[in-house]
């Protein structure tokens, strides 16, 4: 299985369906903004500039903590609890892999960014951390890309 088993189990319990893989995600640029928060005013300006550097906006809005859950034919986006990060509530988006027209992955210094276009014309942009304890997130996003392109 791609990703951590406990993440898939938590999402399955939250959504009520079988989940093959899951990982924590956030809106694009959230990691750069968080890194700059502890650096002071100059760092905040630099972090904001990094997070806004020509990024496409997402038609689906993600929080600082959200989840990507992969099922057999569907995928879901679920909000995460701000304190613990665990999945919270019903999915805020449920889509079929067949609705994805294109998907691109871009590796940053600490994140893996996902840009994708849906068949209805919407654009979806999010990122996931990819280093240290978050290495398994890359496996989940790569599986996600494979299923979207199949």
C-alpha atoms as a PDB file:
ATOM      1  CA  UNK A   1       0.000   0.000   0.000  1.00  0.00           C
ATOM      2  CA  UNK A   2       1.159   3.519  -0.787  1.00  0.00           C
ATOM      3  CA  UNK A   3       1.407   5.822   2.210  1.00  0.00           C
ATOM      4  CA  UNK A   4       0.786   5.021   5.846  1.00  0.00           C
ATOM      5  CA  UNK A   5      -1.829   2.401   6.724  1.00  0.00           C
ATOM      6  CA  UNK A   6      -3.125   4.393   9.708  1.00  0.00           C
ATOM      7  CA  UNK A   7      -3.917   7.359   7.449  1.00  0.00           C
ATOM      8  CA  UNK A   8      -5.999   5.206   5.107  1.00  0.00           C
ATOM      9  CA  UNK A   9      -7.779   3.625   8.084  1.00  0.00           C
ATOM     10  CA  UNK A  10      -8.630   7.046   9.588  1.00  0.00           C
ATOM     11  CA  UNK A  11     -10.006   8.308   6.288  1.00  0.00           C
ATOM     12  CA  UNK A  12     -12.011   5.110   5.732  1.00  0.00           C
ATOM     13  CA  UNK A  13     -13.572   5.554   9.166  1.00  0.00           C
ATOM     14  CA  UNK A  14     -14.254   9.248   8.515  1.00  0.00           C
ATOM     15  CA  UNK A  15     -15.763   8.778   5.037  1.00  0.00           C
ATOM     16  CA  UNK A  16     -17.310   5.338   5.496  1.00  0.00           C
ATOM     17  CA  UNK A  17     -15.812   3.729   2.368  1.00  0.00           C
ATOM     18  CA  UNK A  18     -12.757   1.591   1.571  1.00  0.00           C
ATOM     19  CA  UNK A  19      -9.674   3.808   1.165  1.00  0.00           C
ATOM     20  CA  UNK A  20      -6.608   2.429  -0.610  1.00  0.00           C
ATOM     21  CA  UNK A  21      -4.209   5.234   0.322  1.00  0.00           C
ATOM     22  CA  UNK A  22      -4.301   8.671   1.947  1.00  0.00           C
ATOM     23  CA  UNK A  23      -2.033  11.566   2.816  1.00  0.00           C
ATOM     24  CA  UNK A  24      -2.151  15.025   4.359  1.00  0.00           C
ATOM     25  CA  UNK A  25      -2.231  17.925   1.900  1.00  0.00           C
ATOM     26  CA  UNK A  26      -2.544  21.709   2.070  1.00  0.00           C
ATOM     27  CA  UNK A  27      -3.253  24.637  -0.196  1.00  0.00           C
ATOM     28  CA  UNK A  28      -0.373  25.481  -2.520  1.00  0.00           C
ATOM     29  CA  UNK A  29       2.066  27.838  -0.841  1.00  0.00           C
ATOM     30  CA  UNK A  30       0.978  26.967   2.708  1.00  0.00           C
ATOM     31  CA  UNK A  31       4.356  25.420   3.579  1.00  0.00           C
ATOM     32  CA  UNK A  32       6.273  28.502   2.412  1.00  0.00           C
ATOM     33  CA  UNK A  33       3.965  30.723   4.452  1.00  0.00           C
ATOM     34  CA  UNK A  34       4.369  28.543   7.553  1.00  0.00           C
ATOM     35  CA  UNK A  35       8.161  28.515   7.215  1.00  0.00           C
ATOM     36  CA  UNK A  36       8.248  32.300   7.036  1.00  0.00           C
ATOM     37  CA  UNK A  37       6.063  32.738  10.133  1.00  0.00           C
ATOM     38  CA  UNK A  38       8.977  32.197  12.506  1.00  0.00           C
ATOM     39  CA  UNK A  39      11.473  34.324  10.603  1.00  0.00           C
ATOM     40  CA  UNK A  40      10.058  37.813  11.217  1.00  0.00           C
ATOM     41  CA  UNK A  41       8.778  40.535   8.919  1.00  0.00           C
ATOM     42  CA  UNK A  42      11.436  40.120   6.221  1.00  0.00           C
ATOM     43  CA  UNK A  43      10.890  36.372   6.171  1.00  0.00           C
ATOM     44  CA  UNK A  44       7.143  36.865   5.930  1.00  0.00           C
ATOM     45  CA  UNK A  45       7.558  39.051   2.859  1.00  0.00           C
ATOM     46  CA  UNK A  46       9.914  36.526   1.255  1.00  0.00           C
ATOM     47  CA  UNK A  47       7.638  33.593   2.184  1.00  0.00           C
ATOM     48  CA  UNK A  48       4.578  35.316   0.765  1.00  0.00           C
ATOM     49  CA  UNK A  49       6.438  36.131  -2.433  1.00  0.00           C
ATOM     50  CA  UNK A  50       7.553  32.486  -2.702  1.00  0.00           C
ATOM     51  CA  UNK A  51       4.027  31.216  -2.181  1.00  0.00           C
ATOM     52  CA  UNK A  52       2.562  33.579  -4.793  1.00  0.00           C
ATOM     53  CA  UNK A  53       5.168  33.197  -7.509  1.00  0.00           C
ATOM     54  CA  UNK A  54       2.887  32.853 -10.527  1.00  0.00           C
ATOM     55  CA  UNK A  55       0.856  30.064  -8.950  1.00  0.00           C
ATOM     56  CA  UNK A  56      -2.407  29.088 -10.520  1.00  0.00           C
ATOM     57  CA  UNK A  57      -5.289  29.343  -8.135  1.00  0.00           C
ATOM     58  CA  UNK A  58      -7.393  26.366  -7.183  1.00  0.00           C
ATOM     59  CA  UNK A  59     -11.131  26.248  -7.766  1.00  0.00           C
ATOM     60  CA  UNK A  60     -11.365  23.826  -4.832  1.00  0.00           C
ATOM     61  CA  UNK A  61     -10.226  25.551  -1.650  1.00  0.00           C
ATOM     62  CA  UNK A  62      -7.944  23.645   0.722  1.00  0.00           C
ATOM     63  CA  UNK A  63      -7.123  24.521   4.301  1.00  0.00           C
ATOM     64  CA  UNK A  64      -3.756  24.430   6.007  1.00  0.00           C
ATOM     65  CA  UNK A  65      -4.613  20.830   6.886  1.00  0.00           C
ATOM     66  CA  UNK A  66      -6.626  18.730   4.436  1.00  0.00           C
ATOM     67  CA  UNK A  67      -6.529  15.103   3.315  1.00  0.00           C
ATOM     68  CA  UNK A  68      -6.446  13.301  -0.022  1.00  0.00           C
ATOM     69  CA  UNK A  69      -8.150   9.895   0.137  1.00  0.00           C
ATOM     70  CA  UNK A  70      -7.901   7.433  -2.758  1.00  0.00           C
ATOM     71  CA  UNK A  71     -10.572   4.848  -3.409  1.00  0.00           C
ATOM     72  CA  UNK A  72     -10.825   2.389  -6.269  1.00  0.00           C
ATOM     73  CA  UNK A  73     -12.730   4.650  -8.670  1.00  0.00           C
ATOM     74  CA  UNK A  74     -13.151   7.851  -6.637  1.00  0.00           C
ATOM     75  CA  UNK A  75     -11.017  10.242  -4.625  1.00  0.00           C
ATOM     76  CA  UNK A  76     -11.996  12.624  -1.851  1.00  0.00           C
ATOM     77  CA  UNK A  77     -10.736  15.787  -0.209  1.00  0.00           C
ATOM     78  CA  UNK A  78     -11.473  16.029   3.521  1.00  0.00           C
ATOM     79  CA  UNK A  79     -10.745  18.835   5.985  1.00  0.00           C
ATOM     80  CA  UNK A  80      -8.298  18.128   8.787  1.00  0.00           C
ATOM     81  CA  UNK A  81      -8.476  19.133  12.411  1.00  0.00           C
ATOM     82  CA  UNK A  82      -6.211  22.151  12.994  1.00  0.00           C
ATOM     83  CA  UNK A  83      -4.951  20.887  16.353  1.00  0.00           C
ATOM     84  CA  UNK A  84      -4.207  17.224  15.609  1.00  0.00           C
ATOM     85  CA  UNK A  85      -4.474  17.137  11.810  1.00  0.00           C
ATOM     86  CA  UNK A  86      -6.816  14.138  11.824  1.00  0.00           C
ATOM     87  CA  UNK A  87      -9.623  13.971   9.227  1.00  0.00           C
ATOM     88  CA  UNK A  88     -12.707  15.865  10.331  1.00  0.00           C
ATOM     89  CA  UNK A  89     -16.223  15.766   8.929  1.00  0.00           C
ATOM     90  CA  UNK A  90     -17.623  14.892   5.543  1.00  0.00           C
ATOM     91  CA  UNK A  91     -15.564  15.264   2.346  1.00  0.00           C
ATOM     92  CA  UNK A  92     -15.713  18.737   0.824  1.00  0.00           C
ATOM     93  CA  UNK A  93     -15.102  17.253  -2.648  1.00  0.00           C
ATOM     94  CA  UNK A  94     -15.725  13.809  -4.147  1.00  0.00           C
ATOM     95  CA  UNK A  95     -14.485  13.201  -7.688  1.00  0.00           C
ATOM     96  CA  UNK A  96     -13.937  10.349 -10.109  1.00  0.00           C
ATOM     97  CA  UNK A  97     -10.487   9.774 -11.592  1.00  0.00           C
ATOM     98  CA  UNK A  98     -12.200   9.997 -15.004  1.00  0.00           C
ATOM     99  CA  UNK A  99     -13.003  13.672 -14.323  1.00  0.00           C
ATOM    100  CA  UNK A 100      -9.279  14.556 -14.387  1.00  0.00           C
ATOM    101  CA  UNK A 101      -8.121  15.772 -17.824  1.00  0.00           C
ATOM    102  CA  UNK A 102      -4.491  16.411 -16.897  1.00  0.00           C
ATOM    103  CA  UNK A 103      -2.254  16.297 -13.843  1.00  0.00           C
ATOM    104  CA  UNK A 104       1.275  17.608 -13.231  1.00  0.00           C
ATOM    105  CA  UNK A 105       3.569  17.079 -10.257  1.00  0.00           C
ATOM    106  CA  UNK A 106       6.289  19.596  -9.346  1.00  0.00           C
ATOM    107  CA  UNK A 107       8.901  18.947  -6.691  1.00  0.00           C
ATOM    108  CA  UNK A 108       9.877  21.869  -4.470  1.00  0.00           C
ATOM    109  CA  UNK A 109      12.445  22.042  -1.675  1.00  0.00           C
ATOM    110  CA  UNK A 110      10.114  20.518   0.927  1.00  0.00           C
ATOM    111  CA  UNK A 111       6.876  19.858  -0.955  1.00  0.00           C
ATOM    112  CA  UNK A 112       5.379  18.058  -3.914  1.00  0.00           C
ATOM    113  CA  UNK A 113       2.887  20.272  -5.736  1.00  0.00           C
ATOM    114  CA  UNK A 114      -0.071  18.931  -7.713  1.00  0.00           C
ATOM    115  CA  UNK A 115      -1.708  20.951 -10.503  1.00  0.00           C
ATOM    116  CA  UNK A 116      -4.607  19.323 -12.304  1.00  0.00           C
ATOM    117  CA  UNK A 117      -7.434  20.196 -14.632  1.00  0.00           C
ATOM    118  CA  UNK A 118     -10.901  18.705 -14.424  1.00  0.00           C
ATOM    119  CA  UNK A 119     -13.174  17.956 -17.373  1.00  0.00           C
ATOM    120  CA  UNK A 120     -15.609  20.686 -16.251  1.00  0.00           C
ATOM    121  CA  UNK A 121     -12.864  23.336 -16.626  1.00  0.00           C
ATOM    122  CA  UNK A 122     -11.958  23.707 -12.941  1.00  0.00           C
ATOM    123  CA  UNK A 123      -8.333  23.770 -11.831  1.00  0.00           C
ATOM    124  CA  UNK A 124      -7.199  22.038  -8.640  1.00  0.00           C
ATOM    125  CA  UNK A 125      -3.898  22.954  -6.976  1.00  0.00           C
ATOM    126  CA  UNK A 126      -2.509  21.589  -3.699  1.00  0.00           C
ATOM    127  CA  UNK A 127       0.751  20.422  -2.150  1.00  0.00           C
ATOM    128  CA  UNK A 128       2.028  17.835   0.289  1.00  0.00           C
ATOM    129  CA  UNK A 129       5.185  17.703   2.350  1.00  0.00           C
ATOM    130  CA  UNK A 130       7.669  15.177   0.980  1.00  0.00           C
ATOM    131  CA  UNK A 131      10.619  14.953   3.395  1.00  0.00           C
ATOM    132  CA  UNK A 132      11.336  13.084   6.645  1.00  0.00           C
ATOM    133  CA  UNK A 133       8.232  11.484   8.139  1.00  0.00           C
ATOM    134  CA  UNK A 134       6.269  12.712   5.107  1.00  0.00           C
ATOM    135  CA  UNK A 135       8.187  10.655   2.507  1.00  0.00           C
ATOM    136  CA  UNK A 136       5.240   8.287   2.142  1.00  0.00           C
ATOM    137  CA  UNK A 137       3.057  11.201   0.916  1.00  0.00           C
ATOM    138  CA  UNK A 138       4.984  11.095  -2.368  1.00  0.00           C
ATOM    139  CA  UNK A 139       3.909   7.458  -2.914  1.00  0.00           C
ATOM    140  CA  UNK A 140       0.258   8.416  -2.422  1.00  0.00           C
ATOM    141  CA  UNK A 141       0.450  11.372  -4.828  1.00  0.00           C
ATOM    142  CA  UNK A 142       2.256   9.271  -7.455  1.00  0.00           C
ATOM    143  CA  UNK A 143      -0.447   6.572  -7.135  1.00  0.00           C
ATOM    144  CA  UNK A 144      -3.038   9.338  -7.465  1.00  0.00           C
ATOM    145  CA  UNK A 145      -1.372  10.549 -10.673  1.00  0.00           C
ATOM    146  CA  UNK A 146      -1.266   7.001 -12.101  1.00  0.00           C
ATOM    147  CA  UNK A 147      -4.978   6.456 -11.430  1.00  0.00           C
ATOM    148  CA  UNK A 148      -5.881   9.822 -12.970  1.00  0.00           C
ATOM    149  CA  UNK A 149      -3.915   9.052 -16.146  1.00  0.00           C
ATOM    150  CA  UNK A 150      -5.097   5.426 -16.526  1.00  0.00           C
END
